Amino acid sequence: IEHSGSADSNGTLPQGKLKWVFPTGAAIHSSPAVANGTVYFGSQDGKLYAVDAVTGAKRWEFETESWVESSPAIANGVVYFGSNDGNLYAVDADSGQKLWDFQTPYPIASSPAVAGGMVYFGAHNYYIYALDALEGTKLWDFDADSRVTSSPTVLNGIV
């Protein structure tokens, strides 16, 4: 059996069981984020959803003007995510109420990173942005000379 790809078993391995299904109006390309018993994810129906992790019941939804492919980031009770409508949104994690949005001229597929009171993300207009996490004001931007679809990483103040 060693190195054969086989295992010594009677064939009764535990099977996963479907716990719940949550329908959306379109495909889901966003990876989920989970915090405090809630699953947050975006859909190509233009919405960010908050779903109870145990029951699958919808807690709230937030509608944008286009697809939500950006995976959400959660920090200090705020969900940050981008939309193909060109906005980065900050919404209250409990209520789904918009706290602020920041508009760029092109879609945002990049998932944000939150560190040191700042939100970092890239957009299809070739820029990486740094915003104040509380107010949504731009602190700086950087021309990456190419469309930014990947997510930034922050370590020791370096993006």
C-alpha atoms as a PDB file:
ATOM      1  CA  ILE A   1       0.000   0.000   0.000  1.00  0.00           C
ATOM      2  CA  GLU A   2       2.914   2.370   0.666  1.00  0.00           C
ATOM      3  CA  HIS A   3       3.270   5.038  -2.083  1.00  0.00           C
ATOM      4  CA  SER A   4       0.452   3.441  -4.108  1.00  0.00           C
ATOM      5  CA  GLY A   5      -2.210   6.100  -3.608  1.00  0.00           C
ATOM      6  CA  SER A   6      -4.256   3.567  -1.652  1.00  0.00           C
ATOM      7  CA  ALA A   7      -5.155   3.487   2.012  1.00  0.00           C
ATOM      8  CA  ASP A   8      -5.841   0.593   4.304  1.00  0.00           C
ATOM      9  CA  SER A   9      -9.525   1.223   5.037  1.00  0.00           C
ATOM     10  CA  ASN A  10     -12.828  -0.585   5.041  1.00  0.00           C
ATOM     11  CA  GLY A  11     -14.247   2.078   2.698  1.00  0.00           C
ATOM     12  CA  THR A  12     -16.430   3.816   5.264  1.00  0.00           C
ATOM     13  CA  LEU A  13     -14.687   7.144   5.436  1.00  0.00           C
ATOM     14  CA  PRO A  14     -16.736   9.983   6.894  1.00  0.00           C
ATOM     15  CA  GLN A  15     -18.743  11.845   4.278  1.00  0.00           C
ATOM     16  CA  GLY A  16     -19.379  15.572   4.269  1.00  0.00           C
ATOM     17  CA  LYS A  17     -22.994  16.634   4.655  1.00  0.00           C
ATOM     18  CA  LEU A  18     -24.508  19.674   3.030  1.00  0.00           C
ATOM     19  CA  LYS A  19     -25.491  22.095   5.793  1.00  0.00           C
ATOM     20  CA  TRP A  20     -27.205  24.804   3.755  1.00  0.00           C
ATOM     21  CA  VAL A  21     -27.432  26.453   0.356  1.00  0.00           C
ATOM     22  CA  PHE A  22     -27.809  30.159  -0.272  1.00  0.00           C
ATOM     23  CA  PRO A  23     -29.069  31.206  -3.714  1.00  0.00           C
ATOM     24  CA  THR A  24     -27.913  34.439  -5.326  1.00  0.00           C
ATOM     25  CA  GLY A  25     -29.011  36.056  -8.560  1.00  0.00           C
ATOM     26  CA  ALA A  26     -25.791  35.196 -10.420  1.00  0.00           C
ATOM     27  CA  ALA A  27     -22.420  33.459 -10.205  1.00  0.00           C
ATOM     28  CA  ILE A  28     -20.111  33.894  -7.215  1.00  0.00           C
ATOM     29  CA  HIS A  29     -16.448  34.661  -7.951  1.00  0.00           C
ATOM     30  CA  SER A  30     -15.737  36.255  -4.579  1.00  0.00           C
ATOM     31  CA  SER A  31     -14.055  34.198  -1.863  1.00  0.00           C
ATOM     32  CA  PRO A  32     -15.958  34.388   1.406  1.00  0.00           C
ATOM     33  CA  ALA A  33     -14.786  36.075   4.583  1.00  0.00           C
ATOM     34  CA  VAL A  34     -16.107  34.817   7.917  1.00  0.00           C
ATOM     35  CA  ALA A  35     -16.312  36.774  11.158  1.00  0.00           C
ATOM     36  CA  ASN A  36     -18.463  36.489  14.273  1.00  0.00           C
ATOM     37  CA  GLY A  37     -20.659  33.744  12.851  1.00  0.00           C
ATOM     38  CA  THR A  38     -21.370  35.533   9.568  1.00  0.00           C
ATOM     39  CA  VAL A  39     -20.217  34.631   6.053  1.00  0.00           C
ATOM     40  CA  TYR A  40     -19.669  37.634   3.758  1.00  0.00           C
ATOM     41  CA  PHE A  41     -19.335  37.250  -0.022  1.00  0.00           C
ATOM     42  CA  GLY A  42     -20.063  39.054  -3.261  1.00  0.00           C
ATOM     43  CA  SER A  43     -21.963  37.953  -6.348  1.00  0.00           C
ATOM     44  CA  GLN A  44     -22.167  38.920  -9.981  1.00  0.00           C
ATOM     45  CA  ASP A  45     -25.717  40.069  -9.229  1.00  0.00           C
ATOM     46  CA  GLY A  46     -24.033  43.205  -7.835  1.00  0.00           C
ATOM     47  CA  LYS A  47     -24.611  42.428  -4.171  1.00  0.00           C
ATOM     48  CA  LEU A  48     -22.547  41.723  -1.099  1.00  0.00           C
ATOM     49  CA  TYR A  49     -24.281  39.209   1.157  1.00  0.00           C
ATOM     50  CA  ALA A  50     -24.055  38.561   4.889  1.00  0.00           C
ATOM     51  CA  VAL A  51     -25.286  35.069   5.759  1.00  0.00           C
ATOM     52  CA  ASP A  52     -25.543  33.273   9.098  1.00  0.00           C
ATOM     53  CA  ALA A  53     -22.736  30.688   9.097  1.00  0.00           C
ATOM     54  CA  VAL A  54     -24.796  28.092  10.986  1.00  0.00           C
ATOM     55  CA  THR A  55     -28.241  28.372   9.401  1.00  0.00           C
ATOM     56  CA  GLY A  56     -27.534  29.931   5.996  1.00  0.00           C
ATOM     57  CA  ALA A  57     -30.173  32.600   6.646  1.00  0.00           C
ATOM     58  CA  LYS A  58     -29.586  35.992   5.055  1.00  0.00           C
ATOM     59  CA  ARG A  59     -28.723  38.664   7.600  1.00  0.00           C
ATOM     60  CA  TRP A  60     -28.507  41.480   5.043  1.00  0.00           C
ATOM     61  CA  GLU A  61     -27.504  42.361   1.502  1.00  0.00           C
ATOM     62  CA  PHE A  62     -25.873  45.468   0.108  1.00  0.00           C
ATOM     63  CA  GLU A  63     -26.468  46.377  -3.527  1.00  0.00           C
ATOM     64  CA  THR A  64     -23.889  47.986  -5.815  1.00  0.00           C
ATOM     65  CA  GLU A  65     -24.192  49.015  -9.461  1.00  0.00           C
ATOM     66  CA  SER A  66     -22.176  46.086 -10.886  1.00  0.00           C
ATOM     67  CA  TRP A  67     -20.549  42.721 -10.183  1.00  0.00           C
ATOM     68  CA  VAL A  68     -18.824  42.093  -6.868  1.00  0.00           C
ATOM     69  CA  GLU A  69     -15.799  39.900  -7.593  1.00  0.00           C
ATOM     70  CA  SER A  70     -13.621  41.415  -4.882  1.00  0.00           C
ATOM     71  CA  SER A  71     -13.417  39.274  -1.773  1.00  0.00           C
ATOM     72  CA  PRO A  72     -14.320  41.213   1.353  1.00  0.00           C
ATOM     73  CA  ALA A  73     -11.929  42.131   4.149  1.00  0.00           C
ATOM     74  CA  ILE A  74     -13.254  42.623   7.672  1.00  0.00           C
ATOM     75  CA  ALA A  75     -11.662  44.793  10.348  1.00  0.00           C
ATOM     76  CA  ASN A  76     -13.065  46.494  13.439  1.00  0.00           C
ATOM     77  CA  GLY A  77     -16.673  45.665  12.580  1.00  0.00           C
ATOM     78  CA  VAL A  78     -16.409  47.003   9.023  1.00  0.00           C
ATOM     79  CA  VAL A  79     -16.601  45.035   5.761  1.00  0.00           C
ATOM     80  CA  TYR A  80     -14.481  46.488   2.939  1.00  0.00           C
ATOM     81  CA  PHE A  81     -14.954  45.336  -0.661  1.00  0.00           C
ATOM     82  CA  GLY A  82     -14.701  46.546  -4.228  1.00  0.00           C
ATOM     83  CA  SER A  83     -17.210  46.429  -7.063  1.00  0.00           C
ATOM     84  CA  ASN A  84     -16.955  46.545 -10.815  1.00  0.00           C
ATOM     85  CA  ASP A  85     -18.891  49.822 -10.534  1.00  0.00           C
ATOM     86  CA  GLY A  86     -15.509  51.347  -9.588  1.00  0.00           C
ATOM     87  CA  ASN A  87     -16.265  51.879  -5.901  1.00  0.00           C
ATOM     88  CA  LEU A  88     -14.575  50.549  -2.811  1.00  0.00           C
ATOM     89  CA  TYR A  89     -17.230  50.257  -0.106  1.00  0.00           C
ATOM     90  CA  ALA A  90     -17.097  50.206   3.672  1.00  0.00           C
ATOM     91  CA  VAL A  91     -20.243  48.799   5.291  1.00  0.00           C
ATOM     92  CA  ASP A  92     -21.142  48.055   8.885  1.00  0.00           C
ATOM     93  CA  ALA A  93     -20.649  44.310   9.436  1.00  0.00           C
ATOM     94  CA  ASP A  94     -23.727  44.004  11.669  1.00  0.00           C
ATOM     95  CA  SER A  95     -26.279  46.104   9.797  1.00  0.00           C
ATOM     96  CA  GLY A  96     -25.010  46.319   6.207  1.00  0.00           C
ATOM     97  CA  GLN A  97     -25.345  50.109   6.285  1.00  0.00           C
ATOM     98  CA  LYS A  98     -22.910  51.986   4.071  1.00  0.00           C
ATOM     99  CA  LEU A  99     -20.325  53.944   6.029  1.00  0.00           C
ATOM    100  CA  TRP A 100     -18.531  55.381   2.995  1.00  0.00           C
ATOM    101  CA  ASP A 101     -17.490  54.670  -0.565  1.00  0.00           C
ATOM    102  CA  PHE A 102     -14.493  55.718  -2.623  1.00  0.00           C
ATOM    103  CA  GLN A 103     -14.884  56.000  -6.380  1.00  0.00           C
ATOM    104  CA  THR A 104     -12.267  55.090  -8.965  1.00  0.00           C
ATOM    105  CA  PRO A 105     -12.781  55.415 -12.728  1.00  0.00           C
ATOM    106  CA  TYR A 106     -12.502  51.651 -13.371  1.00  0.00           C
ATOM    107  CA  PRO A 107     -13.666  48.311 -11.904  1.00  0.00           C
ATOM    108  CA  ILE A 108     -12.194  46.945  -8.692  1.00  0.00           C
ATOM    109  CA  ALA A 109     -11.602  43.191  -8.683  1.00  0.00           C
ATOM    110  CA  SER A 110      -8.723  43.394  -6.202  1.00  0.00           C
ATOM    111  CA  SER A 111      -9.581  42.368  -2.671  1.00  0.00           C
ATOM    112  CA  PRO A 112      -8.646  44.983  -0.094  1.00  0.00           C
ATOM    113  CA  ALA A 113      -6.083  44.604   2.663  1.00  0.00           C
ATOM    114  CA  VAL A 114      -6.564  46.431   5.955  1.00  0.00           C
ATOM    115  CA  ALA A 115      -3.606  47.329   8.175  1.00  0.00           C
ATOM    116  CA  GLY A 116      -2.614  50.174  10.461  1.00  0.00           C
ATOM    117  CA  GLY A 117      -5.877  52.062  10.030  1.00  0.00           C
ATOM    118  CA  MET A 118      -5.545  52.009   6.246  1.00  0.00           C
ATOM    119  CA  VAL A 119      -7.273  50.127   3.420  1.00  0.00           C
ATOM    120  CA  TYR A 120      -5.178  49.138   0.394  1.00  0.00           C
ATOM    121  CA  PHE A 121      -6.553  47.919  -2.945  1.00  0.00           C
ATOM    122  CA  GLY A 122      -5.892  48.009  -6.659  1.00  0.00           C
ATOM    123  CA  ALA A 123      -8.130  48.959  -9.576  1.00  0.00           C
ATOM    124  CA  HIS A 124      -8.241  48.349 -13.300  1.00  0.00           C
ATOM    125  CA  ASN A 125      -6.988  51.914 -13.899  1.00  0.00           C
ATOM    126  CA  TYR A 126      -3.459  50.704 -12.981  1.00  0.00           C
ATOM    127  CA  TYR A 127      -3.467  52.308  -9.532  1.00  0.00           C
ATOM    128  CA  ILE A 128      -2.970  50.965  -6.038  1.00  0.00           C
ATOM    129  CA  TYR A 129      -4.755  53.107  -3.464  1.00  0.00           C
ATOM    130  CA  ALA A 130      -4.340  53.667   0.263  1.00  0.00           C
ATOM    131  CA  LEU A 131      -7.382  55.055   2.079  1.00  0.00           C
ATOM    132  CA  ASP A 132      -8.088  56.048   5.642  1.00  0.00           C
ATOM    133  CA  ALA A 133     -10.106  53.091   6.974  1.00  0.00           C
ATOM    134  CA  LEU A 134     -12.457  55.249   9.069  1.00  0.00           C
ATOM    135  CA  GLU A 135     -13.204  58.069   6.632  1.00  0.00           C
ATOM    136  CA  GLY A 136     -12.489  56.601   3.192  1.00  0.00           C
ATOM    137  CA  THR A 137     -10.292  59.530   2.208  1.00  0.00           C
ATOM    138  CA  LYS A 138      -7.371  58.904  -0.138  1.00  0.00           C
ATOM    139  CA  LEU A 139      -3.993  59.048   1.564  1.00  0.00           C
ATOM    140  CA  TRP A 140      -1.960  58.139  -1.515  1.00  0.00           C
ATOM    141  CA  ASP A 141      -2.020  56.259  -4.792  1.00  0.00           C
ATOM    142  CA  PHE A 142       0.637  54.555  -6.901  1.00  0.00           C
ATOM    143  CA  ASP A 143       0.642  53.964 -10.667  1.00  0.00           C
ATOM    144  CA  ALA A 144       1.506  50.266 -11.060  1.00  0.00           C
ATOM    145  CA  ASP A 145       1.712  50.634 -14.864  1.00  0.00           C
ATOM    146  CA  SER A 146      -0.693  47.705 -15.358  1.00  0.00           C
ATOM    147  CA  ARG A 147      -4.188  46.623 -14.365  1.00  0.00           C
ATOM    148  CA  VAL A 148      -4.265  45.575 -10.701  1.00  0.00           C
ATOM    149  CA  THR A 149      -6.449  42.533 -10.044  1.00  0.00           C
ATOM    150  CA  SER A 150      -4.464  40.806  -7.309  1.00  0.00           C
ATOM    151  CA  SER A 151      -4.749  41.701  -3.659  1.00  0.00           C
ATOM    152  CA  PRO A 152      -2.128  43.781  -1.888  1.00  0.00           C
ATOM    153  CA  THR A 153      -0.212  42.458   1.076  1.00  0.00           C
ATOM    154  CA  VAL A 154       1.093  44.686   3.843  1.00  0.00           C
ATOM    155  CA  LEU A 155       4.026  43.867   6.111  1.00  0.00           C
ATOM    156  CA  ASN A 156       5.861  46.303   8.377  1.00  0.00           C
ATOM    157  CA  GLY A 157       4.352  49.262   6.543  1.00  0.00           C
ATOM    158  CA  ILE A 158       5.410  47.990   3.123  1.00  0.00           C
ATOM    159  CA  VAL A 159       2.768  47.259   0.463  1.00  0.00           C
END
